[in-house]
Protein backbone atom coordinates (compact mmCIF):
# COMPACT_ATOMS: atom_id res chain seq x y z
CA MET A 1 61.31 98.63 109.65
CA ALA A 2 60.45 96.99 112.93
CA ALA A 3 57.70 98.49 115.02
CA THR A 4 58.68 100.57 118.04
CA PRO A 5 58.19 98.62 121.30
CA ASN A 6 55.60 100.04 123.66
CA LEU A 7 56.83 102.09 126.58
CA GLN A 8 54.99 102.66 129.79
CA ARG A 9 53.96 106.18 130.68
CA THR A 10 56.59 106.13 133.42
CA GLY A 11 59.32 105.66 130.84
CA GLU A 12 60.12 102.11 131.92
CA PRO A 13 60.37 99.81 128.89
CA GLN A 14 57.99 96.89 128.44
CA THR A 15 60.25 94.06 127.35
CA THR A 16 57.88 91.09 127.43
CA GLY A 17 57.87 89.13 124.19
CA LEU A 18 60.62 91.11 122.46
CA THR A 19 62.80 89.43 119.88
CA ARG A 20 66.29 90.41 118.77
CA PRO A 21 66.04 92.25 115.42
CA ALA A 22 67.96 90.84 112.47
CA SER A 23 71.38 92.41 112.06
CA ALA A 24 72.16 94.73 109.18
CA THR A 25 75.19 92.51 108.48
CA HIS A 26 75.77 88.77 108.39
CA PHE A 27 78.50 87.98 110.91
CA GLY A 28 79.45 84.76 109.14
CA VAL A 29 80.06 86.64 105.89
CA SER A 30 82.16 89.21 107.74
CA LEU A 31 84.24 86.41 109.26
CA LEU A 32 84.72 84.84 105.83
CA ALA A 33 85.89 88.20 104.51
CA LEU A 34 88.19 88.47 107.53
CA LEU A 35 89.88 85.19 106.61
CA VAL A 36 90.40 86.48 103.08
CA GLY A 37 91.77 89.80 104.32
CA VAL A 38 94.13 88.24 106.84
CA GLY A 39 95.16 85.69 104.21
CA LEU A 40 96.08 88.48 101.82
CA VAL A 41 98.09 90.19 104.57
CA TRP A 42 99.89 86.91 105.30
CA LEU A 43 100.52 86.00 101.65
CA GLY A 44 101.77 89.50 100.97
CA ALA A 45 104.23 89.47 103.87
CA PRO A 46 107.37 88.75 101.80
CA TRP A 47 106.80 91.66 99.44
CA MET A 48 104.19 93.92 101.03
CA TYR A 49 106.15 94.85 104.15
CA PRO A 50 109.48 95.74 102.43
CA ALA A 51 107.52 97.73 99.85
CA MET A 52 105.22 99.41 102.37
CA ASN A 53 104.62 102.99 101.24
CA GLN A 54 107.02 102.58 98.31
CA TRP A 55 106.47 101.23 94.81
CA LEU A 56 103.20 99.48 95.69
CA GLY A 57 101.61 102.72 96.85
CA TYR A 58 99.27 101.98 99.75
CA SER A 59 99.80 98.22 99.91
CA PRO A 60 97.23 97.53 102.72
CA LEU A 61 94.63 98.42 100.11
CA ILE A 62 94.99 94.86 98.79
CA PRO A 63 93.50 93.07 101.84
CA CYS A 64 90.93 95.88 102.18
CA ALA A 65 89.79 95.28 98.61
CA GLY A 66 89.55 91.55 99.31
CA ILE A 67 87.24 92.18 102.27
CA VAL A 68 84.99 94.50 100.26
CA LEU A 69 84.69 92.06 97.35
CA VAL A 70 83.81 89.10 99.56
CA ILE A 71 81.12 90.93 101.55
CA ALA A 72 79.63 92.73 98.54
CA ALA A 73 79.49 89.55 96.46
CA ALA A 74 77.98 87.50 99.30
CA GLU A 75 75.27 90.07 100.11
CA TRP A 76 74.31 90.50 96.47
CA LEU A 77 74.37 86.83 95.47
CA ARG A 78 72.75 85.41 98.61
CA PRO A 79 69.50 87.29 99.43
CA ALA A 80 69.23 85.62 102.86
CA TRP A 81 72.47 87.34 103.90
CA ARG A 82 71.31 90.83 103.01
CA ASN A 83 70.13 93.42 105.46
CA PRO A 84 66.39 92.71 105.93
CA LEU A 85 65.81 96.48 105.99
CA ALA A 86 68.09 97.09 103.02
CA GLU A 87 67.69 100.32 101.11
CA ALA A 88 70.05 99.27 98.34
CA PRO A 89 68.64 99.42 94.79
CA ARG A 90 67.71 96.12 93.16
CA GLY A 91 65.97 97.04 89.91
CA VAL A 92 65.03 99.85 87.54
CA VAL A 93 62.39 102.14 89.04
CA ARG A 94 62.52 105.14 86.67
CA PRO A 95 63.83 106.18 83.25
CA LEU A 96 67.37 107.50 82.97
CA SER A 97 67.78 111.28 83.17
CA LEU A 98 71.16 112.59 82.03
CA ALA A 99 70.28 115.95 83.60
CA ARG A 100 69.99 114.32 87.02
CA VAL A 101 73.22 112.41 86.41
CA GLY A 102 75.01 115.63 85.49
CA THR A 103 73.70 117.38 88.57
CA ARG A 104 74.87 114.51 90.77
CA LEU A 105 78.26 114.49 89.08
CA LEU A 106 78.61 118.19 89.86
CA GLY A 107 77.68 117.43 93.47
CA VAL A 108 80.36 114.72 93.67
CA ALA A 109 82.99 117.06 92.25
CA ALA A 110 81.99 119.82 94.67
CA THR A 111 82.17 117.42 97.62
CA PHE A 112 85.68 116.30 96.69
CA ALA A 113 86.70 119.92 96.13
CA LEU A 114 85.54 120.89 99.63
CA LEU A 115 87.47 117.97 101.10
CA ALA A 116 90.62 118.95 99.19
CA LEU A 117 90.19 122.56 100.37
CA ALA A 118 90.04 121.42 103.99
CA TYR A 119 93.22 119.35 103.63
CA TRP A 120 94.98 122.30 102.00
CA LEU A 121 93.73 124.77 104.60
CA PHE A 122 94.47 123.00 107.89
CA PRO A 123 98.17 122.64 108.87
CA GLU A 124 97.42 119.31 110.55
CA TYR A 125 97.51 117.67 107.10
CA HIS A 126 100.73 119.28 105.86
CA GLY A 127 103.27 117.05 107.65
CA THR A 128 104.59 113.60 106.80
CA PHE A 129 102.30 111.81 109.26
CA TYR A 130 99.57 111.53 106.64
CA THR A 131 101.83 110.36 103.80
CA PRO A 132 100.19 106.89 103.80
CA TYR A 133 96.80 108.55 103.31
CA TRP A 134 97.95 110.48 100.26
CA GLN A 135 99.32 107.20 98.91
CA PHE A 136 95.97 105.59 99.64
CA LEU A 137 94.20 108.32 97.66
CA ARG A 138 96.61 107.94 94.74
CA SER A 139 96.09 104.17 94.82
CA ILE A 140 92.30 104.46 94.52
CA ALA A 141 92.34 107.45 92.14
CA PRO A 142 91.85 105.26 89.02
CA LEU A 143 88.45 104.26 90.40
CA ALA A 144 87.28 107.81 89.71
CA VAL A 145 86.65 106.85 86.07
CA ALA A 146 83.83 104.59 87.30
CA ILE A 147 81.95 107.42 89.06
CA PRO A 148 79.93 108.61 86.01
CA PHE A 149 78.93 105.03 85.16
CA TYR A 150 77.94 104.39 88.77
CA LEU A 151 75.79 107.54 88.78
CA VAL A 152 74.09 106.49 85.55
CA TRP A 153 73.36 103.07 87.02
CA MET A 154 72.08 104.56 90.29
CA ASP A 155 69.89 107.15 88.61
CA THR A 156 67.43 104.52 87.43
CA ARG A 157 67.53 102.48 90.65
CA SER A 158 67.92 104.83 93.59
CA ALA A 159 64.90 105.16 95.88
CA SER A 160 65.24 108.94 95.69
CA GLU A 161 65.48 111.03 92.54
CA ARG A 162 67.16 113.79 94.51
CA ASP A 163 69.76 112.29 96.80
CA GLU A 164 72.46 114.21 98.65
CA TYR A 165 74.74 114.56 95.62
CA PHE A 166 71.84 115.89 93.58
CA GLN A 167 71.12 118.39 96.36
CA MET A 168 74.74 119.54 96.31
CA GLY A 169 74.78 119.95 92.56
CA ALA A 170 71.38 121.67 92.43
CA LEU A 171 72.51 124.21 95.00
CA LEU A 172 75.58 125.07 92.92
CA LEU A 173 73.38 125.45 89.83
CA GLY A 174 71.26 127.99 91.66
CA HIS A 175 68.24 125.74 92.17
CA GLY A 176 67.81 126.62 95.83
CA HIS A 177 64.12 125.84 95.68
CA LEU A 178 65.02 122.16 95.15
CA THR A 179 67.34 121.99 98.14
CA ASP A 180 66.56 119.59 100.96
CA TRP A 181 68.57 121.32 103.67
CA PRO A 182 68.48 118.52 106.29
CA LEU A 183 69.69 116.03 103.67
CA LEU A 184 72.43 118.40 102.53
CA ARG A 185 73.49 118.97 106.14
CA ARG A 186 73.71 115.21 106.69
CA HIS A 187 75.79 114.89 103.54
CA LEU A 188 78.29 117.55 104.58
CA LEU A 189 78.57 116.21 108.12
CA GLY A 190 78.98 112.67 106.83
CA TRP A 191 81.85 113.70 104.58
CA THR A 192 83.38 115.65 107.45
CA ILE A 193 83.43 112.40 109.42
CA LYS A 194 84.95 110.44 106.54
CA GLY A 195 87.44 113.19 105.81
CA PHE A 196 88.59 113.24 109.44
CA PHE A 197 88.68 109.54 110.31
CA LEU A 198 89.79 107.88 107.06
CA PRO A 199 93.24 109.57 107.07
CA LEU A 200 93.84 108.41 110.64
CA MET A 201 92.72 104.85 109.98
CA THR A 202 94.85 104.45 106.86
CA VAL A 203 97.93 105.65 108.75
CA TYR A 204 97.22 103.43 111.75
CA LEU A 205 96.54 100.41 109.53
CA GLY A 206 99.90 100.71 107.81
CA ASN A 207 101.62 101.04 111.19
CA GLU A 208 99.86 97.98 112.64
CA ILE A 209 100.62 95.77 109.63
CA ARG A 210 104.25 96.87 109.85
CA ALA A 211 104.29 96.06 113.57
CA LEU A 212 102.66 92.70 112.87
CA TYR A 213 105.32 91.75 110.33
CA GLN A 214 108.07 92.82 112.72
CA ALA A 215 106.51 90.72 115.50
CA ILE A 216 106.38 87.68 113.22
CA GLN A 217 109.95 88.14 112.01
CA PRO A 218 111.84 90.13 114.68
CA SER A 219 115.27 91.47 113.82
CA GLY A 220 118.50 89.96 115.04
CA SER A 221 118.47 86.95 117.31
CA ALA A 222 115.16 87.79 118.97
CA THR A 223 112.41 85.17 118.84
CA ALA A 224 108.83 85.86 117.87
CA ASP A 225 106.59 86.80 120.82
CA PRO A 226 103.09 85.26 120.48
CA TYR A 227 101.62 88.07 122.57
CA GLN A 228 102.97 90.74 120.22
CA ILE A 229 101.80 88.79 117.17
CA PHE A 230 98.21 88.34 118.36
CA TYR A 231 98.02 91.83 119.84
CA HIS A 232 99.04 93.54 116.61
CA LEU A 233 96.93 91.10 114.57
CA SER A 234 93.84 92.09 116.56
CA TYR A 235 94.38 95.78 115.96
CA ALA A 236 95.31 95.22 112.30
CA VAL A 237 91.98 93.39 111.85
CA ASP A 238 90.12 96.23 113.56
CA LEU A 239 91.78 98.81 111.32
CA LEU A 240 91.22 96.79 108.15
CA TYR A 241 87.49 97.01 108.77
CA CYS A 242 87.75 100.67 109.79
CA VAL A 243 89.38 101.59 106.47
CA VAL A 244 86.87 99.40 104.62
CA GLY A 245 83.95 101.00 106.45
CA TYR A 246 84.93 104.61 105.81
CA SER A 247 85.76 103.81 102.18
CA SER A 248 82.55 101.90 101.38
CA ALA A 249 79.70 104.22 102.30
CA LEU A 250 77.70 103.54 99.13
CA ARG A 251 74.01 102.98 98.47
CA TRP A 252 75.07 100.20 96.12
CA PHE A 253 76.26 98.25 99.17
CA ASP A 254 73.42 99.51 101.40
CA SER A 255 76.21 100.89 103.60
CA HIS A 256 75.34 104.56 103.14
CA ILE A 257 74.79 106.96 106.03
CA ARG A 258 71.24 107.01 107.41
CA SER A 259 71.86 109.71 109.99
CA VAL A 260 74.69 111.60 111.69
CA GLU A 261 75.21 112.25 115.40
CA PRO A 262 72.89 115.22 116.02
CA THR A 263 74.47 116.74 119.13
CA VAL A 264 77.59 118.83 119.64
CA GLY A 265 78.32 116.90 122.82
CA GLY A 266 78.35 113.62 120.93
CA TRP A 267 80.87 115.02 118.45
CA VAL A 268 83.11 116.47 121.15
CA ILE A 269 83.15 113.25 123.18
CA ALA A 270 84.02 111.15 120.13
CA LEU A 271 86.65 113.44 118.61
CA MET A 272 88.54 113.92 121.87
CA CYS A 273 89.41 110.19 121.75
CA TYR A 274 91.39 110.62 118.51
CA GLN A 275 94.41 112.48 117.25
CA PRO A 276 95.26 115.29 117.15
CA PHE A 277 92.99 116.08 120.09
CA TYR A 278 93.93 113.10 122.25
CA SER A 279 97.62 113.95 121.98
CA VAL A 280 96.84 116.95 124.19
CA ILE A 281 94.18 115.36 126.40
CA GLY A 282 96.10 112.13 126.91
CA ALA A 283 99.42 113.81 127.62
CA TYR A 284 98.29 116.67 129.85
CA TYR A 285 95.02 115.56 131.42
CA LEU A 286 94.48 111.78 131.30
CA GLN A 287 98.02 110.38 131.38
CA TYR A 288 97.43 107.30 133.51
CA GLU A 289 100.56 105.28 132.57
CA ASP A 290 103.94 105.25 134.23
CA ALA A 291 106.97 102.96 133.98
CA THR A 292 105.15 99.89 135.29
CA PHE A 293 103.27 97.69 132.82
CA TRP A 294 101.84 94.20 133.05
CA ASP A 295 104.86 92.44 131.53
CA ASN A 296 107.58 93.91 133.75
CA TRP A 297 105.29 93.75 136.80
CA LEU A 298 104.74 90.00 136.32
CA GLN A 299 108.24 89.14 135.17
CA ALA A 300 108.91 87.04 138.26
CA TRP A 301 105.73 84.96 137.82
CA PRO A 302 105.84 83.49 134.29
CA ASN A 303 102.67 81.40 134.61
CA LEU A 304 100.63 84.35 135.83
CA ARG A 305 102.27 86.52 133.18
CA ASP A 306 101.17 84.10 130.45
CA ALA A 307 97.61 83.97 131.79
CA TRP A 308 97.53 87.77 131.97
CA ALA A 309 98.72 87.98 128.35
CA VAL A 310 95.98 85.59 127.25
CA ALA A 311 93.36 87.75 128.99
CA ILE A 312 94.61 90.86 127.17
CA ILE A 313 94.57 89.05 123.82
CA ILE A 314 91.01 87.81 124.43
CA LEU A 315 89.88 91.38 125.11
CA ALA A 316 91.75 92.68 122.04
CA SER A 317 90.15 89.94 119.93
CA ILE A 318 86.66 90.85 121.14
CA TYR A 319 87.42 94.46 120.28
CA ALA A 320 88.50 93.46 116.76
CA LEU A 321 85.51 91.17 116.20
CA ALA A 322 83.17 93.97 117.28
CA THR A 323 84.50 95.99 114.33
CA VAL A 324 84.39 92.97 112.01
CA ALA A 325 80.67 92.62 112.84
CA PHE A 326 80.00 95.90 111.03
CA GLY A 327 81.13 94.50 107.69
CA LEU A 328 81.13 97.43 105.28
CA ARG A 329 79.24 99.68 107.69
CA PHE A 330 81.74 100.75 110.35
CA SER A 331 81.92 104.46 111.10
CA ASN A 332 82.03 106.74 114.11
CA LEU A 333 79.25 109.29 114.65
CA THR A 334 76.92 107.79 112.04
CA HIS A 335 74.06 105.33 111.74
CA ARG A 336 74.56 102.97 108.79
CA GLY A 337 72.48 100.02 109.95
CA ILE A 338 71.84 98.38 113.32
CA ILE A 339 74.26 95.58 114.20
CA THR A 340 72.86 92.85 116.46
CA SER A 341 75.11 89.87 115.67
CA GLY A 342 78.62 88.76 116.62
CA PRO A 343 79.77 90.35 119.89
CA TYR A 344 76.70 92.63 119.72
CA ARG A 345 74.61 89.54 120.41
CA PHE A 346 75.88 89.72 124.02
CA SER A 347 76.49 93.43 124.70
CA LYS A 348 75.46 96.75 123.19
CA HIS A 349 79.02 98.07 123.50
CA PRO A 350 81.46 95.14 123.30
CA ALA A 351 84.19 97.23 121.66
CA TYR A 352 84.21 99.93 124.34
CA LEU A 353 83.90 97.40 127.15
CA SER A 354 86.74 95.15 125.98
CA LYS A 355 89.02 98.04 125.06
CA ASN A 356 88.63 99.80 128.38
CA LEU A 357 89.13 96.60 130.36
CA SER A 358 92.29 95.84 128.36
CA TRP A 359 93.76 99.20 129.37
CA TRP A 360 93.51 98.21 133.03
CA LEU A 361 95.30 94.93 132.34
CA ILE A 362 98.01 96.49 130.15
CA SER A 363 98.91 99.56 132.19
CA VAL A 364 98.14 98.08 135.66
CA PRO A 365 97.59 101.60 137.05
CA PHE A 366 97.04 100.13 140.53
CA ILE A 367 100.76 99.27 140.64
CA SER A 368 103.31 102.08 140.70
CA GLN A 369 106.95 102.28 141.72
CA ALA A 370 106.22 105.78 143.01
CA GLY A 371 103.92 104.47 145.74
CA TRP A 372 100.24 104.06 146.47
CA THR A 373 99.35 107.73 146.00
CA GLU A 374 100.64 107.68 142.43
CA ALA A 375 98.80 104.39 141.85
CA LEU A 376 95.59 105.98 143.14
CA ARG A 377 96.16 108.94 140.84
CA ASN A 378 96.71 106.67 137.83
CA CYS A 379 93.58 104.67 138.61
CA THR A 380 91.54 107.86 138.89
CA LEU A 381 92.79 109.13 135.54
CA LEU A 382 92.04 105.84 133.78
CA ALA A 383 88.60 105.80 135.40
CA LEU A 384 88.02 109.28 133.97
CA LEU A 385 88.99 107.99 130.52
CA ASN A 386 86.59 105.10 131.03
CA GLY A 387 83.96 107.73 131.81
CA VAL A 388 84.62 109.39 128.46
CA TYR A 389 83.84 106.09 126.73
CA TYR A 390 80.73 105.67 128.87
CA LEU A 391 79.56 109.05 127.58
CA ARG A 392 80.40 107.95 124.02
CA ALA A 393 78.22 104.89 124.51
CA ARG A 394 75.37 106.97 125.89
CA THR A 395 75.44 109.58 123.11
CA GLU A 396 75.50 106.80 120.53
CA GLU A 397 72.47 105.18 122.17
CA TRP A 398 70.58 108.47 122.12
CA HIS A 399 71.42 108.90 118.45
CA LEU A 400 70.56 105.34 117.37
CA SER A 401 67.37 105.34 119.45
CA ARG A 402 65.80 107.47 116.73
CA ASP A 403 65.62 104.17 114.83
CA PRO A 404 62.90 101.83 116.20
CA THR A 405 65.06 98.83 115.31
CA TYR A 406 67.71 99.95 117.76
CA VAL A 407 65.12 100.53 120.47
CA GLN A 408 63.87 96.99 120.01
CA TYR A 409 67.43 95.65 120.08
CA ALA A 410 68.39 97.61 123.20
CA LEU A 411 65.27 96.56 125.08
CA TRP A 412 65.91 92.94 124.11
CA MET A 413 69.43 93.31 125.48
CA GLU A 414 67.94 94.44 128.80
CA GLN A 415 66.55 90.91 129.08
CA HIS A 416 69.30 88.86 127.46
CA GLY A 417 72.55 90.85 127.53
CA TRP A 418 75.46 89.52 129.56
CA LEU A 419 75.62 92.72 131.62
CA ARG A 420 72.04 92.60 132.84
CA PRO A 421 73.06 91.42 136.37
CA LEU A 422 75.42 94.37 136.60
CA ALA A 423 72.63 96.71 135.48
CA ARG A 424 70.60 95.66 138.50
CA VAL A 425 73.44 96.83 140.75
CA LEU A 426 74.30 99.93 138.67
CA PRO A 427 70.98 101.28 137.36
CA PHE A 428 72.68 104.15 135.51
CA ILE A 429 73.96 101.74 132.85
CA ARG A 430 70.45 100.55 131.96
CA TYR A 431 68.92 101.54 128.68
CA HIS A 432 65.68 103.10 129.96
CA ALA A 433 67.03 106.66 129.83
CA ALA A 434 67.82 106.30 126.14
CA ALA A 435 64.44 104.69 125.55
CA GLU A 436 62.73 107.72 127.07
CA ARG A 437 64.77 109.93 124.76
CA ALA A 438 63.47 107.96 121.77
CA THR A 439 59.81 108.58 122.57
């Protein structure tokens, strides 16, 4: 692990001579996997879309599996493409213990049982909205037969004899004296995150692929709209890697959770941006849209309308590529490796920045048929939503700054990031506050 950069006693970072740390993922490999994933979506168009959520089960699982296989194979077969700080096992380090394997297997079963209990308990998961997720689970259920073999393999290679699944199993067996409570807490919080976000991402992915197919082949006499195609393609790409990330948190891939957001505020800020919470917040507190959008506003100026559409697509593409850069490691509220390549080579928060800017271009809140006061109101509400994402960025920085690699990366970005001129004008966006937190 990289050494922590020195900080002055005043809290101002010393950035002289810093280098950008190597990324936990290889962006080129992630792009190669993206081509495979998008290719599988495209090749499957004639049969995947009509069969969506029918006899194929969760059909978007096919491109997701392609992405996982490409990245996993590349990182294992090409050492130069692996995370330089990888914690993934590479060889036998201890004799096999069937007792440890059995304890871990009990921990896995208990974890799945707790997740199933939560889905049974909370009414949110009882409607038809999450039908694609249940189909996703049924589609991957056959993989459960590989769990015992994976645990046997990991038992001799894992860096720790008593990982989180062992801790879970040992607690159930009454071996409280063996329990590592911080590790068990991280395990439970990590599965809470996966259990909350993976259902949403699987549903959204199916919807975006469906919208993409409909944009490519619209019904009736309508012609395909390039804007709709590239817009839905960008979000389909983003969601492909979201589903892959939440489904691939394994030590085998070195994509396991290192730490979980430690503050209640960080959790609240992140969760309020997603359903079902945002359905209330967005509708009753931060509803910044009205009947005017970029396309009908610019209908009379086709050249400007086309240029505006291109700008939105560029921002949506940056947003998608920021997720692609994570490879198998994407997840909210967790640290699964520091990403410094792709769009993160130029900004610490390219996804948040591009997404929030695109909202201004799409909804044009500064234009309203109801007059300037309504436009001012809409702008204020969108600015408040932008503030929510600013707080998300800050809480994530405070969390990741517990890792010296992130501190080095963030301080390097102070010198080389594309927003450094803006930071001189707006000092509150500089990293120094997070750096002080890390000391």
